[in-house]
Amino acid sequence: MNNIAEGFESQSNRTFIRYLYQAKGSAGEVRSLLYVALDQGYINQDEFRELYDQATTVSRLIGGFINYLYSVPDKPPGQR
């Protein structure tokens, strides 16, 4: 979320997109760490599946937002 907030303050869609890609990568890190949590017994299989699905959904939503931003003229975030 911090990457998205920081990118939102940028002066262009292009810069914002770069931060969104970082946020998308962070969602991938979360999915990876969920396997660690499951293997270490910190969460059970049901919790793993629910959280994994949520992280996947967030990644897809960010990807969709990135695609949208590529399709609109480059304007500062406050003028979108």
N, C-alpha and C. Protein backbone atom coordinates (compact mmCIF):
# COMPACT_ATOMS: atom_id res chain seq x y z
N MET A 1 0.83 -1.18 0.00
CA MET A 1 0.00 0.00 0.00
C MET A 1 0.88 1.25 0.00
N ASN A 2 2.00 1.21 0.68
CA ASN A 2 2.88 2.38 0.71
C ASN A 2 3.41 2.71 -0.67
N ASN A 3 3.73 1.69 -1.47
CA ASN A 3 4.19 1.95 -2.83
C ASN A 3 3.12 2.67 -3.64
N ILE A 4 1.90 2.26 -3.48
CA ILE A 4 0.81 2.89 -4.22
C ILE A 4 0.63 4.34 -3.77
N ALA A 5 0.68 4.58 -2.45
CA ALA A 5 0.54 5.95 -1.94
C ALA A 5 1.68 6.83 -2.43
N GLU A 6 2.90 6.31 -2.39
CA GLU A 6 4.04 7.09 -2.85
C GLU A 6 3.94 7.38 -4.34
N GLY A 7 3.55 6.40 -5.12
CA GLY A 7 3.40 6.59 -6.55
C GLY A 7 2.29 7.55 -6.90
N PHE A 8 1.25 7.57 -6.11
CA PHE A 8 0.13 8.48 -6.35
C PHE A 8 0.58 9.93 -6.28
N GLU A 9 1.59 10.19 -5.46
CA GLU A 9 2.10 11.55 -5.31
C GLU A 9 3.03 11.95 -6.46
N SER A 10 3.31 11.04 -7.35
CA SER A 10 4.20 11.35 -8.47
C SER A 10 3.53 12.31 -9.44
N GLN A 11 4.30 12.79 -10.38
CA GLN A 11 3.77 13.78 -11.31
C GLN A 11 3.39 13.20 -12.66
N SER A 12 3.38 11.88 -12.78
CA SER A 12 3.01 11.30 -14.07
C SER A 12 2.49 9.89 -13.89
N ASN A 13 1.68 9.46 -14.87
CA ASN A 13 1.20 8.08 -14.87
C ASN A 13 2.36 7.11 -14.96
N ARG A 14 3.36 7.48 -15.76
CA ARG A 14 4.51 6.60 -15.97
C ARG A 14 5.21 6.29 -14.64
N THR A 15 5.43 7.31 -13.82
CA THR A 15 6.06 7.10 -12.52
C THR A 15 5.13 6.31 -11.60
N PHE A 16 3.86 6.66 -11.62
CA PHE A 16 2.87 5.95 -10.81
C PHE A 16 2.87 4.47 -11.17
N ILE A 17 2.93 4.16 -12.45
CA ILE A 17 2.94 2.77 -12.91
C ILE A 17 4.15 2.03 -12.34
N ARG A 18 5.29 2.69 -12.30
CA ARG A 18 6.49 2.05 -11.75
C ARG A 18 6.25 1.63 -10.29
N TYR A 19 5.63 2.51 -9.52
CA TYR A 19 5.33 2.18 -8.13
C TYR A 19 4.27 1.08 -8.03
N LEU A 20 3.34 1.09 -8.94
CA LEU A 20 2.32 0.02 -8.95
C LEU A 20 2.96 -1.33 -9.23
N TYR A 21 3.95 -1.37 -10.11
CA TYR A 21 4.66 -2.63 -10.36
C TYR A 21 5.38 -3.10 -9.10
N GLN A 22 5.92 -2.16 -8.32
CA GLN A 22 6.54 -2.54 -7.05
C GLN A 22 5.51 -3.12 -6.10
N ALA A 23 4.33 -2.51 -6.06
CA ALA A 23 3.26 -3.02 -5.20
C ALA A 23 2.82 -4.41 -5.66
N LYS A 24 2.76 -4.61 -6.97
CA LYS A 24 2.39 -5.92 -7.51
C LYS A 24 3.44 -6.96 -7.11
N GLY A 25 4.71 -6.57 -7.16
CA GLY A 25 5.78 -7.46 -6.72
C GLY A 25 5.66 -7.79 -5.25
N SER A 26 5.24 -6.83 -4.45
CA SER A 26 5.05 -7.07 -3.02
C SER A 26 3.94 -8.09 -2.77
N ALA A 27 2.91 -8.05 -3.59
CA ALA A 27 1.84 -9.06 -3.47
C ALA A 27 2.40 -10.45 -3.75
N GLY A 28 3.33 -10.54 -4.70
CA GLY A 28 4.00 -11.81 -4.98
C GLY A 28 4.85 -12.26 -3.79
N GLU A 29 5.51 -11.31 -3.14
CA GLU A 29 6.29 -11.64 -1.94
C GLU A 29 5.38 -12.18 -0.84
N VAL A 30 4.22 -11.58 -0.69
CA VAL A 30 3.27 -12.05 0.32
C VAL A 30 2.89 -13.50 0.03
N ARG A 31 2.60 -13.80 -1.22
CA ARG A 31 2.24 -15.19 -1.56
C ARG A 31 3.38 -16.14 -1.23
N SER A 32 4.60 -15.74 -1.50
CA SER A 32 5.75 -16.57 -1.19
C SER A 32 5.89 -16.78 0.32
N LEU A 33 5.72 -15.70 1.08
CA LEU A 33 5.86 -15.81 2.53
C LEU A 33 4.72 -16.60 3.16
N LEU A 34 3.59 -16.65 2.49
CA LEU A 34 2.50 -17.47 3.01
C LEU A 34 2.88 -18.94 3.00
N TYR A 35 3.66 -19.36 2.01
CA TYR A 35 4.16 -20.74 2.01
C TYR A 35 5.07 -20.99 3.20
N VAL A 36 5.89 -20.02 3.53
CA VAL A 36 6.77 -20.15 4.70
C VAL A 36 5.93 -20.27 5.96
N ALA A 37 4.93 -19.39 6.10
CA ALA A 37 4.06 -19.42 7.27
C ALA A 37 3.35 -20.75 7.39
N LEU A 38 2.90 -21.29 6.27
CA LEU A 38 2.22 -22.59 6.28
C LEU A 38 3.19 -23.69 6.68
N ASP A 39 4.37 -23.70 6.08
CA ASP A 39 5.36 -24.73 6.38
C ASP A 39 5.81 -24.70 7.84
N GLN A 40 5.86 -23.49 8.42
CA GLN A 40 6.28 -23.36 9.82
C GLN A 40 5.14 -23.57 10.81
N GLY A 41 3.93 -23.76 10.31
CA GLY A 41 2.79 -24.02 11.17
C GLY A 41 2.17 -22.77 11.78
N TYR A 42 2.51 -21.60 11.25
CA TYR A 42 1.93 -20.37 11.77
C TYR A 42 0.49 -20.18 11.32
N ILE A 43 0.15 -20.74 10.18
CA ILE A 43 -1.22 -20.70 9.66
C ILE A 43 -1.59 -22.10 9.18
N ASN A 44 -2.89 -22.36 9.14
CA ASN A 44 -3.34 -23.66 8.64
C ASN A 44 -3.69 -23.55 7.15
N GLN A 45 -4.05 -24.66 6.56
CA GLN A 45 -4.31 -24.71 5.12
C GLN A 45 -5.47 -23.78 4.71
N ASP A 46 -6.51 -23.72 5.53
CA ASP A 46 -7.64 -22.84 5.20
C ASP A 46 -7.23 -21.37 5.23
N GLU A 47 -6.47 -20.99 6.25
CA GLU A 47 -5.99 -19.61 6.33
C GLU A 47 -5.06 -19.30 5.15
N PHE A 48 -4.19 -20.25 4.85
CA PHE A 48 -3.30 -20.08 3.71
C PHE A 48 -4.08 -19.81 2.44
N ARG A 49 -5.07 -20.64 2.15
CA ARG A 49 -5.83 -20.52 0.91
C ARG A 49 -6.55 -19.19 0.84
N GLU A 50 -7.17 -18.78 1.95
CA GLU A 50 -7.90 -17.51 1.96
C GLU A 50 -6.96 -16.33 1.71
N LEU A 51 -5.84 -16.31 2.41
CA LEU A 51 -4.89 -15.21 2.26
C LEU A 51 -4.20 -15.24 0.89
N TYR A 52 -3.89 -16.42 0.40
CA TYR A 52 -3.28 -16.55 -0.91
C TYR A 52 -4.22 -16.02 -2.00
N ASP A 53 -5.49 -16.39 -1.88
CA ASP A 53 -6.47 -15.92 -2.85
C ASP A 53 -6.62 -14.40 -2.79
N GLN A 54 -6.60 -13.83 -1.59
CA GLN A 54 -6.70 -12.37 -1.46
C GLN A 54 -5.49 -11.68 -2.08
N ALA A 55 -4.30 -12.22 -1.84
CA ALA A 55 -3.09 -11.62 -2.43
C ALA A 55 -3.11 -11.72 -3.95
N THR A 56 -3.64 -12.83 -4.47
CA THR A 56 -3.76 -13.00 -5.92
C THR A 56 -4.75 -11.99 -6.49
N THR A 57 -5.85 -11.78 -5.80
CA THR A 57 -6.85 -10.81 -6.24
C THR A 57 -6.26 -9.40 -6.27
N VAL A 58 -5.53 -9.05 -5.22
CA VAL A 58 -4.90 -7.73 -5.16
C VAL A 58 -3.94 -7.55 -6.33
N SER A 59 -3.15 -8.58 -6.61
CA SER A 59 -2.20 -8.52 -7.73
C SER A 59 -2.92 -8.31 -9.06
N ARG A 60 -4.01 -9.01 -9.25
CA ARG A 60 -4.80 -8.84 -10.49
C ARG A 60 -5.40 -7.44 -10.59
N LEU A 61 -5.90 -6.93 -9.48
CA LEU A 61 -6.48 -5.58 -9.49
C LEU A 61 -5.42 -4.52 -9.81
N ILE A 62 -4.24 -4.67 -9.22
CA ILE A 62 -3.16 -3.74 -9.52
C ILE A 62 -2.79 -3.85 -11.00
N GLY A 63 -2.72 -5.06 -11.52
CA GLY A 63 -2.42 -5.26 -12.94
C GLY A 63 -3.45 -4.59 -13.83
N GLY A 64 -4.71 -4.70 -13.46
CA GLY A 64 -5.77 -4.04 -14.23
C GLY A 64 -5.65 -2.53 -14.18
N PHE A 65 -5.28 -2.02 -13.02
CA PHE A 65 -5.10 -0.57 -12.89
C PHE A 65 -3.92 -0.10 -13.73
N ILE A 66 -2.84 -0.87 -13.74
CA ILE A 66 -1.69 -0.55 -14.59
C ILE A 66 -2.12 -0.49 -16.05
N ASN A 67 -2.86 -1.49 -16.49
CA ASN A 67 -3.33 -1.50 -17.88
C ASN A 67 -4.19 -0.29 -18.19
N TYR A 68 -5.05 0.09 -17.26
CA TYR A 68 -5.88 1.28 -17.44
C TYR A 68 -5.01 2.52 -17.60
N LEU A 69 -4.02 2.67 -16.72
CA LEU A 69 -3.17 3.87 -16.78
C LEU A 69 -2.39 3.95 -18.08
N TYR A 70 -2.02 2.80 -18.64
CA TYR A 70 -1.36 2.82 -19.94
C TYR A 70 -2.29 3.33 -21.04
N SER A 71 -3.59 3.23 -20.82
CA SER A 71 -4.55 3.58 -21.87
C SER A 71 -5.03 5.03 -21.81
N VAL A 72 -4.67 5.76 -20.77
CA VAL A 72 -5.13 7.14 -20.63
C VAL A 72 -3.97 8.10 -20.83
N PRO A 73 -4.26 9.34 -21.20
CA PRO A 73 -3.19 10.34 -21.35
C PRO A 73 -2.44 10.52 -20.04
N ASP A 74 -1.17 10.82 -20.13
CA ASP A 74 -0.33 11.00 -18.94
C ASP A 74 -0.64 12.34 -18.27
N LYS A 75 -1.24 12.26 -17.08
CA LYS A 75 -1.58 13.46 -16.32
C LYS A 75 -1.14 13.24 -14.88
N PRO A 76 -0.88 14.30 -14.15
CA PRO A 76 -0.59 14.16 -12.73
C PRO A 76 -1.76 13.50 -12.02
N PRO A 77 -1.50 12.74 -10.93
CA PRO A 77 -2.57 12.01 -10.24
C PRO A 77 -3.76 12.86 -9.84
N GLY A 78 -3.55 14.10 -9.41
CA GLY A 78 -4.66 14.94 -9.00
C GLY A 78 -5.58 15.35 -10.14
N GLN A 79 -5.14 15.13 -11.37
CA GLN A 79 -5.95 15.50 -12.54
C GLN A 79 -6.49 14.29 -13.28
N ARG A 80 -6.39 13.10 -12.69
CA ARG A 80 -6.88 11.88 -13.35
C ARG A 80 -8.38 11.82 -13.36
